[in-house]
Amino acid sequence: MATPTLVLFTFLALFSSQVFASDPSPLQDFCVADMKSEVFVNGLVCKNPKDHVKPEDFFFSGLDKAGDTNKNLGSNVTLVNVVRIAGLNTLGI
């Protein structure tokens, strides 16, 4: 049978450790895709956030519209990616 001291130290070791998770470079919170850029990278090039980012880069007007649910599963999915919402660039969506 475990001693109370061993149980206490095990409890403290498991639940009192501190974890520091942060972005190593918090300078870029978002990367809006520049669809007009001719530079080819793995993904899309970012717009200059100070001059060229607009609220429209984070908006898609089709998500609030009801779709046809008269299908076998009775559901409808609206596919949205970085081509439709440029603000999703580099977010893994």
PDB file of N, CA and C in Angstrom:
ATOM      1  N   MET A   1       0.843  -1.177   0.000  1.00  0.00           N
ATOM      2  CA  MET A   1       0.000   0.000   0.000  1.00  0.00           C
ATOM      3  C   MET A   1       0.888   1.240   0.000  1.00  0.00           C
ATOM      4  N   ALA A   2       0.510   2.220  -0.800  1.00  0.00           N
ATOM      5  CA  ALA A   2       1.308   3.432  -0.930  1.00  0.00           C
ATOM      6  C   ALA A   2       1.186   4.299   0.311  1.00  0.00           C
ATOM      7  N   THR A   3       2.265   4.896   0.654  1.00  0.00           N
ATOM      8  CA  THR A   3       2.251   5.781   1.821  1.00  0.00           C
ATOM      9  C   THR A   3       1.603   7.101   1.439  1.00  0.00           C
ATOM     10  N   PRO A   4       1.044   7.788   2.411  1.00  0.00           N
ATOM     11  CA  PRO A   4       0.408   9.085   2.102  1.00  0.00           C
ATOM     12  C   PRO A   4       1.391  10.095   1.517  1.00  0.00           C
ATOM     13  N   THR A   5       2.652  10.028   1.917  1.00  0.00           N
ATOM     14  CA  THR A   5       3.643  10.955   1.387  1.00  0.00           C
ATOM     15  C   THR A   5       3.881  10.692  -0.098  1.00  0.00           C
ATOM     16  N   LEU A   6       3.967   9.424  -0.474  1.00  0.00           N
ATOM     17  CA  LEU A   6       4.166   9.076  -1.881  1.00  0.00           C
ATOM     18  C   LEU A   6       2.972   9.507  -2.724  1.00  0.00           C
ATOM     19  N   VAL A   7       1.787   9.316  -2.202  1.00  0.00           N
ATOM     20  CA  VAL A   7       0.576   9.731  -2.905  1.00  0.00           C
ATOM     21  C   VAL A   7       0.564  11.246  -3.067  1.00  0.00           C
ATOM     22  N   LEU A   8       0.962  11.962  -2.016  1.00  0.00           N
ATOM     23  CA  LEU A   8       0.992  13.426  -2.070  1.00  0.00           C
ATOM     24  C   LEU A   8       1.997  13.903  -3.115  1.00  0.00           C
ATOM     25  N   PHE A   9       3.196  13.348  -3.124  1.00  0.00           N
ATOM     26  CA  PHE A   9       4.201  13.760  -4.104  1.00  0.00           C
ATOM     27  C   PHE A   9       3.785  13.396  -5.528  1.00  0.00           C
ATOM     28  N   THR A  10       3.147  12.262  -5.692  1.00  0.00           N
ATOM     29  CA  THR A  10       2.655  11.887  -7.018  1.00  0.00           C
ATOM     30  C   THR A  10       1.584  12.864  -7.486  1.00  0.00           C
ATOM     31  N   PHE A  11       0.682  13.210  -6.604  1.00  0.00           N
ATOM     32  CA  PHE A  11      -0.372  14.174  -6.932  1.00  0.00           C
ATOM     33  C   PHE A  11       0.238  15.521  -7.300  1.00  0.00           C
ATOM     34  N   LEU A  12       1.185  15.994  -6.525  1.00  0.00           N
ATOM     35  CA  LEU A  12       1.814  17.284  -6.805  1.00  0.00           C
ATOM     36  C   LEU A  12       2.606  17.247  -8.115  1.00  0.00           C
ATOM     37  N   ALA A  13       3.263  16.153  -8.406  1.00  0.00           N
ATOM     38  CA  ALA A  13       4.034  16.047  -9.646  1.00  0.00           C
ATOM     39  C   ALA A  13       3.127  16.068 -10.873  1.00  0.00           C
ATOM     40  N   LEU A  14       1.973  15.453 -10.768  1.00  0.00           N
ATOM     41  CA  LEU A  14       1.076  15.382 -11.917  1.00  0.00           C
ATOM     42  C   LEU A  14       0.284  16.655 -12.133  1.00  0.00           C
ATOM     43  N   PHE A  15      -0.108  17.314 -11.076  1.00  0.00           N
ATOM     44  CA  PHE A  15      -1.059  18.416 -11.216  1.00  0.00           C
ATOM     45  C   PHE A  15      -0.482  19.796 -10.945  1.00  0.00           C
ATOM     46  N   SER A  16       0.746  19.903 -10.548  1.00  0.00           N
ATOM     47  CA  SER A  16       1.278  21.230 -10.283  1.00  0.00           C
ATOM     48  C   SER A  16       2.352  21.648 -11.271  1.00  0.00           C
ATOM     49  N   SER A  17       2.574  20.859 -12.300  1.00  0.00           N
ATOM     50  CA  SER A  17       3.561  21.269 -13.295  1.00  0.00           C
ATOM     51  C   SER A  17       2.982  22.395 -14.137  1.00  0.00           C
ATOM     52  N   GLN A  18       3.827  23.346 -14.467  1.00  0.00           N
ATOM     53  CA  GLN A  18       3.380  24.475 -15.267  1.00  0.00           C
ATOM     54  C   GLN A  18       3.774  24.254 -16.713  1.00  0.00           C
ATOM     55  N   VAL A  19       2.865  24.574 -17.577  1.00  0.00           N
ATOM     56  CA  VAL A  19       3.111  24.443 -18.999  1.00  0.00           C
ATOM     57  C   VAL A  19       2.983  25.820 -19.618  1.00  0.00           C
ATOM     58  N   PHE A  20       4.001  26.207 -20.362  1.00  0.00           N
ATOM     59  CA  PHE A  20       3.971  27.491 -21.039  1.00  0.00           C
ATOM     60  C   PHE A  20       3.877  27.233 -22.537  1.00  0.00           C
ATOM     61  N   ALA A  21       2.713  27.487 -23.096  1.00  0.00           N
ATOM     62  CA  ALA A  21       2.502  27.305 -24.524  1.00  0.00           C
ATOM     63  C   ALA A  21       2.233  28.674 -25.127  1.00  0.00           C
ATOM     64  N   SER A  22       3.079  29.066 -26.034  1.00  0.00           N
ATOM     65  CA  SER A  22       2.888  30.352 -26.673  1.00  0.00           C
ATOM     66  C   SER A  22       3.453  30.298 -28.077  1.00  0.00           C
ATOM     67  N   ASP A  23       3.046  31.247 -28.855  1.00  0.00           N
ATOM     68  CA  ASP A  23       3.565  31.380 -30.199  1.00  0.00           C
ATOM     69  C   ASP A  23       4.962  31.990 -30.101  1.00  0.00           C
ATOM     70  N   PRO A  24       5.963  31.353 -30.679  1.00  0.00           N
ATOM     71  CA  PRO A  24       7.304  31.915 -30.569  1.00  0.00           C
ATOM     72  C   PRO A  24       7.450  33.275 -31.254  1.00  0.00           C
ATOM     73  N   SER A  25       6.597  33.559 -32.209  1.00  0.00           N
ATOM     74  CA  SER A  25       6.633  34.847 -32.888  1.00  0.00           C
ATOM     75  C   SER A  25       5.221  35.403 -32.953  1.00  0.00           C
ATOM     76  N   PRO A  26       4.776  36.099 -31.922  1.00  0.00           N
ATOM     77  CA  PRO A  26       3.394  36.593 -31.905  1.00  0.00           C
ATOM     78  C   PRO A  26       3.172  37.832 -32.764  1.00  0.00           C
ATOM     79  N   LEU A  27       4.107  38.149 -33.654  1.00  0.00           N
ATOM     80  CA  LEU A  27       3.968  39.345 -34.475  1.00  0.00           C
ATOM     81  C   LEU A  27       2.923  39.191 -35.572  1.00  0.00           C
ATOM     82  N   GLN A  28       2.600  37.958 -35.947  1.00  0.00           N
ATOM     83  CA  GLN A  28       1.643  37.732 -37.024  1.00  0.00           C
ATOM     84  C   GLN A  28       0.487  36.900 -36.495  1.00  0.00           C
ATOM     85  N   ASP A  29      -0.622  37.560 -36.204  1.00  0.00           N
ATOM     86  CA  ASP A  29      -1.795  36.862 -35.703  1.00  0.00           C
ATOM     87  C   ASP A  29      -2.653  36.303 -36.829  1.00  0.00           C
ATOM     88  N   PHE A  30      -2.596  36.922 -37.988  1.00  0.00           N
ATOM     89  CA  PHE A  30      -3.368  36.449 -39.125  1.00  0.00           C
ATOM     90  C   PHE A  30      -2.579  36.714 -40.397  1.00  0.00           C
ATOM     91  N   CYS A  31      -2.906  35.969 -41.415  1.00  0.00           N
ATOM     92  CA  CYS A  31      -2.246  36.109 -42.716  1.00  0.00           C
ATOM     93  C   CYS A  31      -3.327  36.042 -43.781  1.00  0.00           C
ATOM     94  N   VAL A  32      -3.782  37.196 -44.219  1.00  0.00           N
ATOM     95  CA  VAL A  32      -4.824  37.256 -45.244  1.00  0.00           C
ATOM     96  C   VAL A  32      -4.183  36.947 -46.594  1.00  0.00           C
ATOM     97  N   ALA A  33      -4.781  36.016 -47.320  1.00  0.00           N
ATOM     98  CA  ALA A  33      -4.223  35.580 -48.601  1.00  0.00           C
ATOM     99  C   ALA A  33      -4.300  36.682 -49.644  1.00  0.00           C
ATOM    100  N   ASP A  34      -3.213  36.856 -50.360  1.00  0.00           N
ATOM    101  CA  ASP A  34      -3.151  37.803 -51.468  1.00  0.00           C
ATOM    102  C   ASP A  34      -3.372  37.015 -52.751  1.00  0.00           C
ATOM    103  N   MET A  35      -4.578  37.027 -53.257  1.00  0.00           N
ATOM    104  CA  MET A  35      -4.939  36.230 -54.433  1.00  0.00           C
ATOM    105  C   MET A  35      -4.301  36.765 -55.717  1.00  0.00           C
ATOM    106  N   LYS A  36      -3.856  38.021 -55.719  1.00  0.00           N
ATOM    107  CA  LYS A  36      -3.295  38.626 -56.922  1.00  0.00           C
ATOM    108  C   LYS A  36      -1.780  38.478 -57.009  1.00  0.00           C
ATOM    109  N   SER A  37      -1.165  37.941 -56.005  1.00  0.00           N
ATOM    110  CA  SER A  37       0.292  37.808 -56.001  1.00  0.00           C
ATOM    111  C   SER A  37       0.741  36.747 -57.000  1.00  0.00           C
ATOM    112  N   GLU A  38       1.858  37.013 -57.666  1.00  0.00           N
ATOM    113  CA  GLU A  38       2.407  36.056 -58.625  1.00  0.00           C
ATOM    114  C   GLU A  38       3.484  35.185 -57.999  1.00  0.00           C
ATOM    115  N   VAL A  39       3.806  35.421 -56.737  1.00  0.00           N
ATOM    116  CA  VAL A  39       4.809  34.622 -56.046  1.00  0.00           C
ATOM    117  C   VAL A  39       4.180  33.289 -55.667  1.00  0.00           C
ATOM    118  N   PHE A  40       4.897  32.192 -55.922  1.00  0.00           N
ATOM    119  CA  PHE A  40       4.387  30.863 -55.604  1.00  0.00           C
ATOM    120  C   PHE A  40       5.125  30.327 -54.387  1.00  0.00           C
ATOM    121  N   VAL A  41       4.390  30.045 -53.350  1.00  0.00           N
ATOM    122  CA  VAL A  41       4.934  29.432 -52.145  1.00  0.00           C
ATOM    123  C   VAL A  41       4.024  28.277 -51.774  1.00  0.00           C
ATOM    124  N   ASN A  42       4.373  27.547 -50.749  1.00  0.00           N
ATOM    125  CA  ASN A  42       3.523  26.461 -50.265  1.00  0.00           C
ATOM    126  C   ASN A  42       2.384  27.095 -49.474  1.00  0.00           C
ATOM    127  N   GLY A  43       1.322  27.413 -50.145  1.00  0.00           N
ATOM    128  CA  GLY A  43       0.226  28.183 -49.570  1.00  0.00           C
ATOM    129  C   GLY A  43       0.106  29.472 -50.341  1.00  0.00           C
ATOM    130  N   LEU A  44      -0.539  30.448 -49.769  1.00  0.00           N
ATOM    131  CA  LEU A  44      -0.721  31.729 -50.442  1.00  0.00           C
ATOM    132  C   LEU A  44       0.058  32.815 -49.713  1.00  0.00           C
ATOM    133  N   VAL A  45       0.528  33.788 -50.465  1.00  0.00           N
ATOM    134  CA  VAL A  45       1.299  34.891 -49.916  1.00  0.00           C
ATOM    135  C   VAL A  45       0.380  35.785 -49.087  1.00  0.00           C
ATOM    136  N   CYS A  46       0.926  36.366 -48.025  1.00  0.00           N
ATOM    137  CA  CYS A  46       0.150  37.241 -47.140  1.00  0.00           C
ATOM    138  C   CYS A  46       0.098  38.666 -47.679  1.00  0.00           C
ATOM    139  N   LYS A  47      -1.055  39.292 -47.487  1.00  0.00           N
ATOM    140  CA  LYS A  47      -1.176  40.718 -47.771  1.00  0.00           C
ATOM    141  C   LYS A  47      -0.468  41.507 -46.679  1.00  0.00           C
ATOM    142  N   ASN A  48      -0.120  42.736 -46.988  1.00  0.00           N
ATOM    143  CA  ASN A  48       0.436  43.625 -45.982  1.00  0.00           C
ATOM    144  C   ASN A  48      -0.680  43.994 -45.007  1.00  0.00           C
ATOM    145  N   PRO A  49      -0.584  43.596 -43.729  1.00  0.00           N
ATOM    146  CA  PRO A  49      -1.698  43.820 -42.805  1.00  0.00           C
ATOM    147  C   PRO A  49      -1.960  45.283 -42.494  1.00  0.00           C
ATOM    148  N   LYS A  50      -1.004  46.149 -42.703  1.00  0.00           N
ATOM    149  CA  LYS A  50      -1.199  47.568 -42.380  1.00  0.00           C
ATOM    150  C   LYS A  50      -1.952  48.318 -43.464  1.00  0.00           C
ATOM    151  N   ASP A  51      -1.799  47.903 -44.716  1.00  0.00           N
ATOM    152  CA  ASP A  51      -2.355  48.684 -45.816  1.00  0.00           C
ATOM    153  C   ASP A  51      -3.475  48.013 -46.588  1.00  0.00           C
ATOM    154  N   HIS A  52      -3.408  46.701 -46.727  1.00  0.00           N
ATOM    155  CA  HIS A  52      -4.275  46.042 -47.709  1.00  0.00           C
ATOM    156  C   HIS A  52      -5.352  45.128 -47.133  1.00  0.00           C
ATOM    157  N   VAL A  53      -5.379  44.906 -45.852  1.00  0.00           N
ATOM    158  CA  VAL A  53      -6.383  44.012 -45.261  1.00  0.00           C
ATOM    159  C   VAL A  53      -7.673  44.777 -45.027  1.00  0.00           C
ATOM    160  N   LYS A  54      -8.788  44.173 -45.454  1.00  0.00           N
ATOM    161  CA  LYS A  54     -10.108  44.800 -45.320  1.00  0.00           C
ATOM    162  C   LYS A  54     -11.020  43.869 -44.521  1.00  0.00           C
ATOM    163  N   PRO A  55     -12.086  44.376 -43.937  1.00  0.00           N
ATOM    164  CA  PRO A  55     -13.040  43.508 -43.230  1.00  0.00           C
ATOM    165  C   PRO A  55     -13.648  42.440 -44.134  1.00  0.00           C
ATOM    166  N   GLU A  56     -13.758  42.719 -45.424  1.00  0.00           N
ATOM    167  CA  GLU A  56     -14.324  41.751 -46.368  1.00  0.00           C
ATOM    168  C   GLU A  56     -13.459  40.498 -46.484  1.00  0.00           C
ATOM    169  N   ASP A  57     -12.199  40.579 -46.093  1.00  0.00           N
ATOM    170  CA  ASP A  57     -11.313  39.417 -46.153  1.00  0.00           C
ATOM    171  C   ASP A  57     -11.675  38.361 -45.110  1.00  0.00           C
ATOM    172  N   PHE A  58     -12.515  38.708 -44.147  1.00  0.00           N
ATOM    173  CA  PHE A  58     -12.909  37.791 -43.076  1.00  0.00           C
ATOM    174  C   PHE A  58     -14.397  37.472 -43.112  1.00  0.00           C
ATOM    175  N   PHE A  59     -15.053  37.720 -44.239  1.00  0.00           N
ATOM    176  CA  PHE A  59     -16.507  37.579 -44.325  1.00  0.00           C
ATOM    177  C   PHE A  59     -16.889  36.760 -45.548  1.00  0.00           C
ATOM    178  N   PHE A  60     -17.900  35.917 -45.384  1.00  0.00           N
ATOM    179  CA  PHE A  60     -18.485  35.163 -46.493  1.00  0.00           C
ATOM    180  C   PHE A  60     -19.998  35.214 -46.327  1.00  0.00           C
ATOM    181  N   SER A  61     -20.691  35.698 -47.318  1.00  0.00           N
ATOM    182  CA  SER A  61     -22.133  35.929 -47.173  1.00  0.00           C
ATOM    183  C   SER A  61     -22.984  34.686 -47.373  1.00  0.00           C
ATOM    184  N   GLY A  62     -22.406  33.559 -47.738  1.00  0.00           N
ATOM    185  CA  GLY A  62     -23.207  32.383 -48.020  1.00  0.00           C
ATOM    186  C   GLY A  62     -23.498  31.492 -46.827  1.00  0.00           C
ATOM    187  N   LEU A  63     -22.880  31.735 -45.672  1.00  0.00           N
ATOM    188  CA  LEU A  63     -23.072  30.846 -44.530  1.00  0.00           C
ATOM    189  C   LEU A  63     -24.420  31.013 -43.843  1.00  0.00           C
ATOM    190  N   ASP A  64     -25.080  32.132 -44.039  1.00  0.00           N
ATOM    191  CA  ASP A  64     -26.357  32.360 -43.374  1.00  0.00           C
ATOM    192  C   ASP A  64     -27.559  31.921 -44.212  1.00  0.00           C
ATOM    193  N   LYS A  65     -27.305  31.402 -45.397  1.00  0.00           N
ATOM    194  CA  LYS A  65     -28.390  31.000 -46.289  1.00  0.00           C
ATOM    195  C   LYS A  65     -28.671  29.505 -46.147  1.00  0.00           C
ATOM    196  N   ALA A  66     -29.931  29.187 -46.045  1.00  0.00           N
ATOM    197  CA  ALA A  66     -30.327  27.778 -45.933  1.00  0.00           C
ATOM    198  C   ALA A  66     -30.127  27.077 -47.269  1.00  0.00           C
ATOM    199  N   GLY A  67     -29.661  25.855 -47.196  1.00  0.00           N
ATOM    200  CA  GLY A  67     -29.435  25.078 -48.411  1.00  0.00           C
ATOM    201  C   GLY A  67     -30.514  24.026 -48.598  1.00  0.00           C
ATOM    202  N   ASP A  68     -30.385  23.274 -49.663  1.00  0.00           N
ATOM    203  CA  ASP A  68     -31.332  22.211 -49.978  1.00  0.00           C
ATOM    204  C   ASP A  68     -31.071  21.016 -49.063  1.00  0.00           C
ATOM    205  N   THR A  69     -32.014  20.713 -48.181  1.00  0.00           N
ATOM    206  CA  THR A  69     -31.866  19.576 -47.270  1.00  0.00           C
ATOM    207  C   THR A  69     -32.751  18.407 -47.673  1.00  0.00           C
ATOM    208  N   ASN A  70     -33.274  18.425 -48.875  1.00  0.00           N
ATOM    209  CA  ASN A  70     -34.101  17.316 -49.362  1.00  0.00           C
ATOM    210  C   ASN A  70     -33.227  16.247 -50.009  1.00  0.00           C
ATOM    211  N   LYS A  71     -32.218  15.829 -49.306  1.00  0.00           N
ATOM    212  CA  LYS A  71     -31.310  14.795 -49.796  1.00  0.00           C
ATOM    213  C   LYS A  71     -31.439  13.571 -48.906  1.00  0.00           C
ATOM    214  N   ASN A  72     -30.684  12.545 -49.205  1.00  0.00           N
ATOM    215  CA  ASN A  72     -30.774  11.302 -48.439  1.00  0.00           C
ATOM    216  C   ASN A  72     -30.474  11.505 -46.959  1.00  0.00           C
ATOM    217  N   LEU A  73     -29.460  12.294 -46.632  1.00  0.00           N
ATOM    218  CA  LEU A  73     -29.089  12.494 -45.239  1.00  0.00           C
ATOM    219  C   LEU A  73     -29.819  13.663 -44.584  1.00  0.00           C
ATOM    220  N   GLY A  74     -30.492  14.467 -45.354  1.00  0.00           N
ATOM    221  CA  GLY A  74     -31.244  15.595 -44.807  1.00  0.00           C
ATOM    222  C   GLY A  74     -30.362  16.719 -44.314  1.00  0.00           C
ATOM    223  N   SER A  75     -29.210  16.894 -44.938  1.00  0.00           N
ATOM    224  CA  SER A  75     -28.314  17.972 -44.532  1.00  0.00           C
ATOM    225  C   SER A  75     -27.689  18.607 -45.758  1.00  0.00           C
ATOM    226  N   ASN A  76     -27.080  19.766 -45.543  1.00  0.00           N
ATOM    227  CA  ASN A  76     -26.395  20.477 -46.599  1.00  0.00           C
ATOM    228  C   ASN A  76     -25.148  21.109 -46.005  1.00  0.00           C
ATOM    229  N   VAL A  77     -24.037  20.999 -46.693  1.00  0.00           N
ATOM    230  CA  VAL A  77     -22.766  21.538 -46.220  1.00  0.00           C
ATOM    231  C   VAL A  77     -22.302  22.620 -47.183  1.00  0.00           C
ATOM    232  N   THR A  78     -21.948  23.773 -46.640  1.00  0.00           N
ATOM    233  CA  THR A  78     -21.364  24.842 -47.433  1.00  0.00           C
ATOM    234  C   THR A  78     -19.856  24.784 -47.248  1.00  0.00           C
ATOM    235  N   LEU A  79     -19.145  24.484 -48.315  1.00  0.00           N
ATOM    236  CA  LEU A  79     -17.690  24.390 -48.231  1.00  0.00           C
ATOM    237  C   LEU A  79     -17.075  25.779 -48.267  1.00  0.00           C
ATOM    238  N   VAL A  80     -16.232  26.063 -47.295  1.00  0.00           N
ATOM    239  CA  VAL A  80     -15.558  27.350 -47.215  1.00  0.00           C
ATOM    240  C   VAL A  80     -14.078  27.090 -47.009  1.00  0.00           C
ATOM    241  N   ASN A  81     -13.255  27.747 -47.805  1.00  0.00           N
ATOM    242  CA  ASN A  81     -11.811  27.632 -47.656  1.00  0.00           C
ATOM    243  C   ASN A  81     -11.182  28.998 -47.885  1.00  0.00           C
ATOM    244  N   VAL A  82      -9.871  29.030 -48.036  1.00  0.00           N
ATOM    245  CA  VAL A  82      -9.162  30.300 -48.160  1.00  0.00           C
ATOM    246  C   VAL A  82      -9.513  31.033 -49.460  1.00  0.00           C
ATOM    247  N   VAL A  83      -9.999  30.320 -50.453  1.00  0.00           N
ATOM    248  CA  VAL A  83     -10.394  30.977 -51.694  1.00  0.00           C
ATOM    249  C   VAL A  83     -11.639  31.837 -51.468  1.00  0.00           C
ATOM    250  N   ARG A  84     -12.541  31.398 -50.609  1.00  0.00           N
ATOM    251  CA  ARG A  84     -13.766  32.163 -50.331  1.00  0.00           C
ATOM    252  C   ARG A  84     -13.589  33.161 -49.193  1.00  0.00           C
ATOM    253  N   ILE A  85     -12.806  32.811 -48.174  1.00  0.00           N
ATOM    254  CA  ILE A  85     -12.525  33.721 -47.064  1.00  0.00           C
ATOM    255  C   ILE A  85     -10.998  33.822 -46.957  1.00  0.00           C
ATOM    256  N   ALA A  86     -10.443  34.911 -47.470  1.00  0.00           N
ATOM    257  CA  ALA A  86      -8.986  35.061 -47.544  1.00  0.00           C
ATOM    258  C   ALA A  86      -8.342  35.105 -46.153  1.00  0.00           C
ATOM    259  N   GLY A  87      -9.095  35.474 -45.135  1.00  0.00           N
ATOM    260  CA  GLY A  87      -8.560  35.545 -43.781  1.00  0.00           C
ATOM    261  C   GLY A  87      -8.276  34.195 -43.159  1.00  0.00           C
ATOM    262  N   LEU A  88      -8.688  33.102 -43.792  1.00  0.00           N
ATOM    263  CA  LEU A  88      -8.417  31.762 -43.277  1.00  0.00           C
ATOM    264  C   LEU A  88      -7.035  31.244 -43.651  1.00  0.00           C
ATOM    265  N   ASN A  89      -6.287  32.021 -44.399  1.00  0.00           N
ATOM    266  CA  ASN A  89      -4.957  31.595 -44.846  1.00  0.00           C
ATOM    267  C   ASN A  89      -4.060  31.292 -43.640  1.00  0.00           C
ATOM    268  N   THR A  90      -3.327  30.232 -43.695  1.00  0.00           N
ATOM    269  CA  THR A  90      -2.387  29.724 -42.683  1.00  0.00           C
ATOM    270  C   THR A  90      -3.063  29.251 -41.398  1.00  0.00           C
ATOM    271  N   LEU A  91      -4.363  29.111 -41.392  1.00  0.00           N
ATOM    272  CA  LEU A  91      -5.049  28.599 -40.212  1.00  0.00           C
ATOM    273  C   LEU A  91      -5.348  27.113 -40.307  1.00  0.00           C
ATOM    274  N   GLY A  92      -4.962  26.488 -41.386  1.00  0.00           N
ATOM    275  CA  GLY A  92      -5.160  25.054 -41.546  1.00  0.00           C
ATOM    276  C   GLY A  92      -6.561  24.665 -41.931  1.00  0.00           C
ATOM    277  N   ILE A  93      -7.307  25.586 -42.476  1.00  0.00           N
ATOM    278  CA  ILE A  93      -8.692  25.307 -42.858  1.00  0.00           C
ATOM    279  C   ILE A  93      -8.778  25.273 -44.370  1.00  0.00           C
TER     280      ILE A  93
END
